Amino acid sequence: MVAWEYALLVRRYQGQGRNFHVSFVWYAPDGSRTDITAYADTAIAHLNRAGREGWELVSAAEDVNNVQGSTEVHRYHLKRPLA
């Protein structure tokens, strides 16, 4: 039986119009959290980077809150076999 480890990539968009901020945070299997925004500026670039490290996308989810300004949170759940 294959044992898996899981990680989470979170993309957060906050702001309106030209005044916005996008950040990416990596939640590792050990529970650590790392701001990886500086490594790339798109979710695809981050997912491709993770793929080169053996991670496979399992699911994606989106939350949008437009009540006060705009907030979008995209969650990318990934897995890879334990080494």
PDB file of N, CA and C in Angstrom:
ATOM      1  N   MET A   1       0.833  -1.170   0.000  1.00  0.00           N
ATOM      2  CA  MET A   1       0.000   0.000   0.000  1.00  0.00           C
ATOM      3  C   MET A   1       0.889   1.249   0.000  1.00  0.00           C
ATOM      4  N   VAL A   2       0.507   2.250  -0.774  1.00  0.00           N
ATOM      5  CA  VAL A   2       1.264   3.494  -0.854  1.00  0.00           C
ATOM      6  C   VAL A   2       0.854   4.414   0.291  1.00  0.00           C
ATOM      7  N   ALA A   3       1.846   4.954   0.977  1.00  0.00           N
ATOM      8  CA  ALA A   3       1.591   5.957   2.012  1.00  0.00           C
ATOM      9  C   ALA A   3       1.843   7.336   1.402  1.00  0.00           C
ATOM     10  N   TRP A   4       0.982   8.298   1.714  1.00  0.00           N
ATOM     11  CA  TRP A   4       1.058   9.621   1.123  1.00  0.00           C
ATOM     12  C   TRP A   4       1.368  10.674   2.172  1.00  0.00           C
ATOM     13  N   GLU A   5       1.957  11.774   1.725  1.00  0.00           N
ATOM     14  CA  GLU A   5       2.039  12.970   2.548  1.00  0.00           C
ATOM     15  C   GLU A   5       1.308  14.073   1.787  1.00  0.00           C
ATOM     16  N   TYR A   6       0.767  15.010   2.531  1.00  0.00           N
ATOM     17  CA  TYR A   6      -0.079  16.038   1.937  1.00  0.00           C
ATOM     18  C   TYR A   6       0.442  17.432   2.259  1.00  0.00           C
ATOM     19  N   ALA A   7       0.160  18.361   1.353  1.00  0.00           N
ATOM     20  CA  ALA A   7       0.540  19.758   1.540  1.00  0.00           C
ATOM     21  C   ALA A   7      -0.577  20.631   0.973  1.00  0.00           C
ATOM     22  N   LEU A   8      -0.488  21.904   1.273  1.00  0.00           N
ATOM     23  CA  LEU A   8      -1.512  22.846   0.844  1.00  0.00           C
ATOM     24  C   LEU A   8      -0.838  24.123   0.343  1.00  0.00           C
ATOM     25  N   LEU A   9      -1.249  24.582  -0.840  1.00  0.00           N
ATOM     26  CA  LEU A   9      -0.824  25.859  -1.376  1.00  0.00           C
ATOM     27  C   LEU A   9      -2.027  26.786  -1.320  1.00  0.00           C
ATOM     28  N   VAL A  10      -1.871  27.943  -0.703  1.00  0.00           N
ATOM     29  CA  VAL A  10      -2.975  28.898  -0.588  1.00  0.00           C
ATOM     30  C   VAL A  10      -2.605  30.186  -1.313  1.00  0.00           C
ATOM     31  N   ARG A  11      -3.476  30.598  -2.224  1.00  0.00           N
ATOM     32  CA  ARG A  11      -3.325  31.874  -2.925  1.00  0.00           C
ATOM     33  C   ARG A  11      -4.379  32.823  -2.375  1.00  0.00           C
ATOM     34  N   ARG A  12      -3.949  33.985  -1.907  1.00  0.00           N
ATOM     35  CA  ARG A  12      -4.886  34.965  -1.346  1.00  0.00           C
ATOM     36  C   ARG A  12      -4.774  36.268  -2.135  1.00  0.00           C
ATOM     37  N   TYR A  13      -5.919  36.749  -2.610  1.00  0.00           N
ATOM     38  CA  TYR A  13      -6.018  38.012  -3.327  1.00  0.00           C
ATOM     39  C   TYR A  13      -6.861  38.942  -2.472  1.00  0.00           C
ATOM     40  N   GLN A  14      -6.326  40.119  -2.147  1.00  0.00           N
ATOM     41  CA  GLN A  14      -7.078  41.081  -1.350  1.00  0.00           C
ATOM     42  C   GLN A  14      -6.953  42.455  -1.982  1.00  0.00           C
ATOM     43  N   GLY A  15      -8.070  43.170  -2.050  1.00  0.00           N
ATOM     44  CA  GLY A  15      -8.043  44.529  -2.551  1.00  0.00           C
ATOM     45  C   GLY A  15      -9.100  44.791  -3.585  1.00  0.00           C
ATOM     46  N   GLN A  16      -9.001  45.969  -4.212  1.00  0.00           N
ATOM     47  CA  GLN A  16      -9.940  46.365  -5.245  1.00  0.00           C
ATOM     48  C   GLN A  16      -9.207  47.103  -6.336  1.00  0.00           C
ATOM     49  N   GLY A  17      -9.652  46.923  -7.571  1.00  0.00           N
ATOM     50  CA  GLY A  17      -9.068  47.659  -8.691  1.00  0.00           C
ATOM     51  C   GLY A  17      -7.567  47.504  -8.761  1.00  0.00           C
ATOM     52  N   ARG A  18      -6.881  48.631  -8.807  1.00  0.00           N
ATOM     53  CA  ARG A  18      -5.413  48.618  -8.890  1.00  0.00           C
ATOM     54  C   ARG A  18      -4.744  48.482  -7.526  1.00  0.00           C
ATOM     55  N   ASN A  19      -5.516  48.571  -6.489  1.00  0.00           N
ATOM     56  CA  ASN A  19      -4.985  48.480  -5.130  1.00  0.00           C
ATOM     57  C   ASN A  19      -5.257  47.079  -4.580  1.00  0.00           C
ATOM     58  N   PHE A  20      -4.371  46.134  -4.907  1.00  0.00           N
ATOM     59  CA  PHE A  20      -4.573  44.756  -4.463  1.00  0.00           C
ATOM     60  C   PHE A  20      -3.235  44.117  -4.121  1.00  0.00           C
ATOM     61  N   HIS A  21      -3.309  43.009  -3.411  1.00  0.00           N
ATOM     62  CA  HIS A  21      -2.117  42.255  -3.021  1.00  0.00           C
ATOM     63  C   HIS A  21      -2.414  40.769  -3.204  1.00  0.00           C
ATOM     64  N   VAL A  22      -1.492  40.057  -3.824  1.00  0.00           N
ATOM     65  CA  VAL A  22      -1.613  38.611  -3.996  1.00  0.00           C
ATOM     66  C   VAL A  22      -0.480  37.952  -3.227  1.00  0.00           C
ATOM     67  N   SER A  23      -0.811  36.950  -2.431  1.00  0.00           N
ATOM     68  CA  SER A  23       0.221  36.223  -1.686  1.00  0.00           C
ATOM     69  C   SER A  23       0.004  34.719  -1.839  1.00  0.00           C
ATOM     70  N   PHE A  24       1.102  33.975  -1.666  1.00  0.00           N
ATOM     71  CA  PHE A  24       1.070  32.521  -1.730  1.00  0.00           C
ATOM     72  C   PHE A  24       1.733  31.973  -0.473  1.00  0.00           C
ATOM     73  N   VAL A  25       1.071  31.019   0.175  1.00  0.00           N
ATOM     74  CA  VAL A  25       1.614  30.390   1.385  1.00  0.00           C
ATOM     75  C   VAL A  25       1.595  28.879   1.189  1.00  0.00           C
ATOM     76  N   TRP A  26       2.708  28.226   1.558  1.00  0.00           N
ATOM     77  CA  TRP A  26       2.862  26.772   1.459  1.00  0.00           C
ATOM     78  C   TRP A  26       2.756  26.181   2.855  1.00  0.00           C
ATOM     79  N   TYR A  27       1.822  25.255   3.040  1.00  0.00           N
ATOM     80  CA  TYR A  27       1.664  24.530   4.300  1.00  0.00           C
ATOM     81  C   TYR A  27       2.239  23.129   4.070  1.00  0.00           C
ATOM     82  N   ALA A  28       3.375  22.856   4.677  1.00  0.00           N
ATOM     83  CA  ALA A  28       4.108  21.608   4.457  1.00  0.00           C
ATOM     84  C   ALA A  28       3.526  20.463   5.281  1.00  0.00           C
ATOM     85  N   PRO A  29       3.884  19.230   4.933  1.00  0.00           N
ATOM     86  CA  PRO A  29       3.379  18.071   5.667  1.00  0.00           C
ATOM     87  C   PRO A  29       3.726  18.085   7.162  1.00  0.00           C
ATOM     88  N   ASP A  30       4.812  18.745   7.523  1.00  0.00           N
ATOM     89  CA  ASP A  30       5.205  18.794   8.943  1.00  0.00           C
ATOM     90  C   ASP A  30       4.468  19.875   9.721  1.00  0.00           C
ATOM     91  N   GLY A  31       3.564  20.599   9.051  1.00  0.00           N
ATOM     92  CA  GLY A  31       2.785  21.642   9.723  1.00  0.00           C
ATOM     93  C   GLY A  31       3.387  23.029   9.620  1.00  0.00           C
ATOM     94  N   SER A  32       4.569  23.133   9.045  1.00  0.00           N
ATOM     95  CA  SER A  32       5.186  24.451   8.913  1.00  0.00           C
ATOM     96  C   SER A  32       4.494  25.252   7.819  1.00  0.00           C
ATOM     97  N   ARG A  33       4.616  26.562   7.923  1.00  0.00           N
ATOM     98  CA  ARG A  33       3.990  27.477   6.969  1.00  0.00           C
ATOM     99  C   ARG A  33       5.058  28.428   6.437  1.00  0.00           C
ATOM    100  N   THR A  34       5.125  28.571   5.095  1.00  0.00           N
ATOM    101  CA  THR A  34       6.144  29.406   4.476  1.00  0.00           C
ATOM    102  C   THR A  34       5.508  30.325   3.447  1.00  0.00           C
ATOM    103  N   ASP A  35       5.820  31.615   3.516  1.00  0.00           N
ATOM    104  CA  ASP A  35       5.375  32.557   2.505  1.00  0.00           C
ATOM    105  C   ASP A  35       6.281  32.377   1.290  1.00  0.00           C
ATOM    106  N   ILE A  36       5.712  31.895   0.185  1.00  0.00           N
ATOM    107  CA  ILE A  36       6.506  31.630  -1.022  1.00  0.00           C
ATOM    108  C   ILE A  36       6.157  32.610  -2.134  1.00  0.00           C
ATOM    109  N   THR A  37       5.560  33.730  -1.797  1.00  0.00           N
ATOM    110  CA  THR A  37       5.146  34.724  -2.782  1.00  0.00           C
ATOM    111  C   THR A  37       6.304  35.144  -3.683  1.00  0.00           C
ATOM    112  N   ALA A  38       7.478  35.295  -3.137  1.00  0.00           N
ATOM    113  CA  ALA A  38       8.626  35.796  -3.904  1.00  0.00           C
ATOM    114  C   ALA A  38       9.116  34.815  -4.973  1.00  0.00           C
ATOM    115  N   TYR A  39       8.735  33.537  -4.894  1.00  0.00           N
ATOM    116  CA  TYR A  39       9.225  32.539  -5.846  1.00  0.00           C
ATOM    117  C   TYR A  39       8.555  32.628  -7.215  1.00  0.00           C
ATOM    118  N   ALA A  40       7.333  33.135  -7.281  1.00  0.00           N
ATOM    119  CA  ALA A  40       6.605  33.234  -8.555  1.00  0.00           C
ATOM    120  C   ALA A  40       5.385  34.114  -8.352  1.00  0.00           C
ATOM    121  N   ASP A  41       4.787  34.549  -9.465  1.00  0.00           N
ATOM    122  CA  ASP A  41       3.641  35.452  -9.334  1.00  0.00           C
ATOM    123  C   ASP A  41       2.311  34.853  -9.784  1.00  0.00           C
ATOM    124  N   THR A  42       2.291  33.563 -10.174  1.00  0.00           N
ATOM    125  CA  THR A  42       1.026  32.930 -10.556  1.00  0.00           C
ATOM    126  C   THR A  42       0.887  31.570  -9.869  1.00  0.00           C
ATOM    127  N   ALA A  43      -0.352  31.144  -9.711  1.00  0.00           N
ATOM    128  CA  ALA A  43      -0.603  29.832  -9.118  1.00  0.00           C
ATOM    129  C   ALA A  43      -0.023  28.727  -9.993  1.00  0.00           C
ATOM    130  N   ILE A  44      -0.127  28.880 -11.316  1.00  0.00           N
ATOM    131  CA  ILE A  44       0.406  27.865 -12.231  1.00  0.00           C
ATOM    132  C   ILE A  44       1.908  27.694 -12.024  1.00  0.00           C
ATOM    133  N   ALA A  45       2.632  28.786 -11.887  1.00  0.00           N
ATOM    134  CA  ALA A  45       4.081  28.703 -11.663  1.00  0.00           C
ATOM    135  C   ALA A  45       4.393  27.968 -10.363  1.00  0.00           C
ATOM    136  N   HIS A  46       3.630  28.255  -9.313  1.00  0.00           N
ATOM    137  CA  HIS A  46       3.846  27.564  -8.030  1.00  0.00           C
ATOM    138  C   HIS A  46       3.488  26.086  -8.135  1.00  0.00           C
ATOM    139  N   LEU A  47       2.395  25.761  -8.818  1.00  0.00           N
ATOM    140  CA  LEU A  47       1.999  24.361  -8.981  1.00  0.00           C
ATOM    141  C   LEU A  47       3.010  23.592  -9.832  1.00  0.00           C
ATOM    142  N   ASN A  48       3.523  24.213 -10.872  1.00  0.00           N
ATOM    143  CA  ASN A  48       4.555  23.555 -11.685  1.00  0.00           C
ATOM    144  C   ASN A  48       5.815  23.308 -10.866  1.00  0.00           C
ATOM    145  N   ARG A  49       6.178  24.248 -10.038  1.00  0.00           N
ATOM    146  CA  ARG A  49       7.350  24.075  -9.159  1.00  0.00           C
ATOM    147  C   ARG A  49       7.136  22.896  -8.216  1.00  0.00           C
ATOM    148  N   ALA A  50       5.943  22.826  -7.617  1.00  0.00           N
ATOM    149  CA  ALA A  50       5.618  21.713  -6.720  1.00  0.00           C
ATOM    150  C   ALA A  50       5.622  20.388  -7.479  1.00  0.00           C
ATOM    151  N   GLY A  51       5.113  20.402  -8.720  1.00  0.00           N
ATOM    152  CA  GLY A  51       5.093  19.195  -9.538  1.00  0.00           C
ATOM    153  C   GLY A  51       6.492  18.660  -9.812  1.00  0.00           C
ATOM    154  N   ARG A  52       7.441  19.556 -10.024  1.00  0.00           N
ATOM    155  CA  ARG A  52       8.825  19.132 -10.235  1.00  0.00           C
ATOM    156  C   ARG A  52       9.422  18.486  -8.984  1.00  0.00           C
ATOM    157  N   GLU A  53       8.823  18.771  -7.823  1.00  0.00           N
ATOM    158  CA  GLU A  53       9.273  18.180  -6.560  1.00  0.00           C
ATOM    159  C   GLU A  53       8.469  16.929  -6.207  1.00  0.00           C
ATOM    160  N   GLY A  54       7.646  16.450  -7.161  1.00  0.00           N
ATOM    161  CA  GLY A  54       6.911  15.206  -6.966  1.00  0.00           C
ATOM    162  C   GLY A  54       5.493  15.360  -6.443  1.00  0.00           C
ATOM    163  N   TRP A  55       5.014  16.586  -6.275  1.00  0.00           N
ATOM    164  CA  TRP A  55       3.661  16.821  -5.769  1.00  0.00           C
ATOM    165  C   TRP A  55       2.636  16.717  -6.884  1.00  0.00           C
ATOM    166  N   GLU A  56       1.487  16.133  -6.563  1.00  0.00           N
ATOM    167  CA  GLU A  56       0.368  15.982  -7.500  1.00  0.00           C
ATOM    168  C   GLU A  56      -0.836  16.727  -6.953  1.00  0.00           C
ATOM    169  N   LEU A  57      -1.488  17.527  -7.795  1.00  0.00           N
ATOM    170  CA  LEU A  57      -2.682  18.253  -7.391  1.00  0.00           C
ATOM    171  C   LEU A  57      -3.829  17.272  -7.183  1.00  0.00           C
ATOM    172  N   VAL A  58      -4.460  17.330  -6.012  1.00  0.00           N
ATOM    173  CA  VAL A  58      -5.569  16.441  -5.679  1.00  0.00           C
ATOM    174  C   VAL A  58      -6.899  17.166  -5.825  1.00  0.00           C
ATOM    175  N   SER A  59      -6.968  18.409  -5.337  1.00  0.00           N
ATOM    176  CA  SER A  59      -8.202  19.179  -5.449  1.00  0.00           C
ATOM    177  C   SER A  59      -7.895  20.663  -5.306  1.00  0.00           C
ATOM    178  N   ALA A  60      -8.867  21.474  -5.717  1.00  0.00           N
ATOM    179  CA  ALA A  60      -8.745  22.922  -5.598  1.00  0.00           C
ATOM    180  C   ALA A  60     -10.094  23.467  -5.147  1.00  0.00           C
ATOM    181  N   ALA A  61     -10.052  24.519  -4.337  1.00  0.00           N
ATOM    182  CA  ALA A  61     -11.275  25.145  -3.846  1.00  0.00           C
ATOM    183  C   ALA A  61     -11.075  26.651  -3.825  1.00  0.00           C
ATOM    184  N   GLU A  62     -12.191  27.389  -3.945  1.00  0.00           N
ATOM    185  CA  GLU A  62     -12.128  28.847  -3.979  1.00  0.00           C
ATOM    186  C   GLU A  62     -13.194  29.427  -3.050  1.00  0.00           C
ATOM    187  N   ASP A  63     -12.812  30.450  -2.295  1.00  0.00           N
ATOM    188  CA  ASP A  63     -13.749  31.220  -1.477  1.00  0.00           C
ATOM    189  C   ASP A  63     -13.648  32.672  -1.925  1.00  0.00           C
ATOM    190  N   VAL A  64     -14.785  33.317  -2.143  1.00  0.00           N
ATOM    191  CA  VAL A  64     -14.800  34.713  -2.555  1.00  0.00           C
ATOM    192  C   VAL A  64     -15.700  35.500  -1.608  1.00  0.00           C
ATOM    193  N   ASN A  65     -15.196  36.646  -1.121  1.00  0.00           N
ATOM    194  CA  ASN A  65     -15.966  37.521  -0.253  1.00  0.00           C
ATOM    195  C   ASN A  65     -15.894  38.922  -0.843  1.00  0.00           C
ATOM    196  N   ASN A  66     -17.011  39.416  -1.348  1.00  0.00           N
ATOM    197  CA  ASN A  66     -17.031  40.735  -1.962  1.00  0.00           C
ATOM    198  C   ASN A  66     -17.821  41.749  -1.144  1.00  0.00           C
ATOM    199  N   VAL A  67     -18.031  41.502   0.140  1.00  0.00           N
ATOM    200  CA  VAL A  67     -18.820  42.408   0.969  1.00  0.00           C
ATOM    201  C   VAL A  67     -18.096  43.729   1.164  1.00  0.00           C
ATOM    202  N   GLN A  68     -16.891  43.696   1.683  1.00  0.00           N
ATOM    203  CA  GLN A  68     -16.091  44.907   1.881  1.00  0.00           C
ATOM    204  C   GLN A  68     -14.807  44.736   1.082  1.00  0.00           C
ATOM    205  N   GLY A  69     -14.775  45.353  -0.095  1.00  0.00           N
ATOM    206  CA  GLY A  69     -13.624  45.139  -0.950  1.00  0.00           C
ATOM    207  C   GLY A  69     -13.748  43.777  -1.594  1.00  0.00           C
ATOM    208  N   SER A  70     -12.640  43.178  -1.860  1.00  0.00           N
ATOM    209  CA  SER A  70     -12.646  41.873  -2.499  1.00  0.00           C
ATOM    210  C   SER A  70     -11.584  40.994  -1.877  1.00  0.00           C
ATOM    211  N   THR A  71     -11.967  39.791  -1.535  1.00  0.00           N
ATOM    212  CA  THR A  71     -11.027  38.809  -1.018  1.00  0.00           C
ATOM    213  C   THR A  71     -11.300  37.488  -1.713  1.00  0.00           C
ATOM    214  N   GLU A  72     -10.267  36.901  -2.275  1.00  0.00           N
ATOM    215  CA  GLU A  72     -10.368  35.569  -2.868  1.00  0.00           C
ATOM    216  C   GLU A  72      -9.311  34.699  -2.227  1.00  0.00           C
ATOM    217  N   VAL A  73      -9.712  33.500  -1.866  1.00  0.00           N
ATOM    218  CA  VAL A  73      -8.770  32.531  -1.319  1.00  0.00           C
ATOM    219  C   VAL A  73      -8.897  31.257  -2.154  1.00  0.00           C
ATOM    220  N   HIS A  74      -7.802  30.840  -2.752  1.00  0.00           N
ATOM    221  CA  HIS A  74      -7.762  29.608  -3.529  1.00  0.00           C
ATOM    222  C   HIS A  74      -6.891  28.618  -2.773  1.00  0.00           C
ATOM    223  N   ARG A  75      -7.401  27.413  -2.583  1.00  0.00           N
ATOM    224  CA  ARG A  75      -6.658  26.357  -1.878  1.00  0.00           C
ATOM    225  C   ARG A  75      -6.371  25.223  -2.854  1.00  0.00           C
ATOM    226  N   TYR A  76      -5.102  24.848  -2.937  1.00  0.00           N
ATOM    227  CA  TYR A  76      -4.671  23.756  -3.806  1.00  0.00           C
ATOM    228  C   TYR A  76      -4.123  22.640  -2.919  1.00  0.00           C
ATOM    229  N   HIS A  77      -4.811  21.518  -2.856  1.00  0.00           N
ATOM    230  CA  HIS A  77      -4.412  20.381  -2.033  1.00  0.00           C
ATOM    231  C   HIS A  77      -3.543  19.449  -2.886  1.00  0.00           C
ATOM    232  N   LEU A  78      -2.378  19.092  -2.341  1.00  0.00           N
ATOM    233  CA  LEU A  78      -1.422  18.277  -3.092  1.00  0.00           C
ATOM    234  C   LEU A  78      -1.008  17.062  -2.273  1.00  0.00           C
ATOM    235  N   LYS A  79      -0.536  16.032  -2.982  1.00  0.00           N
ATOM    236  CA  LYS A  79      -0.037  14.835  -2.312  1.00  0.00           C
ATOM    237  C   LYS A  79       1.165  14.297  -3.086  1.00  0.00           C
ATOM    238  N   ARG A  80       1.977  13.522  -2.384  1.00  0.00           N
ATOM    239  CA  ARG A  80       3.061  12.773  -3.020  1.00  0.00           C
ATOM    240  C   ARG A  80       3.362  11.562  -2.160  1.00  0.00           C
ATOM    241  N   PRO A  81       3.910  10.506  -2.766  1.00  0.00           N
ATOM    242  CA  PRO A  81       4.236   9.314  -1.974  1.00  0.00           C
ATOM    243  C   PRO A  81       5.318   9.640  -0.949  1.00  0.00           C
ATOM    244  N   LEU A  82       5.182   9.037   0.216  1.00  0.00           N
ATOM    245  CA  LEU A  82       6.230   9.191   1.234  1.00  0.00           C
ATOM    246  C   LEU A  82       7.506   8.537   0.747  1.00  0.00           C
ATOM    247  N   ALA A  83       8.607   9.182   0.992  1.00  0.00           N
ATOM    248  CA  ALA A  83       9.906   8.646   0.544  1.00  0.00           C
ATOM    249  C   ALA A  83      10.371   7.531   1.469  1.00  0.00           C
TER     250      ALA A  83
END
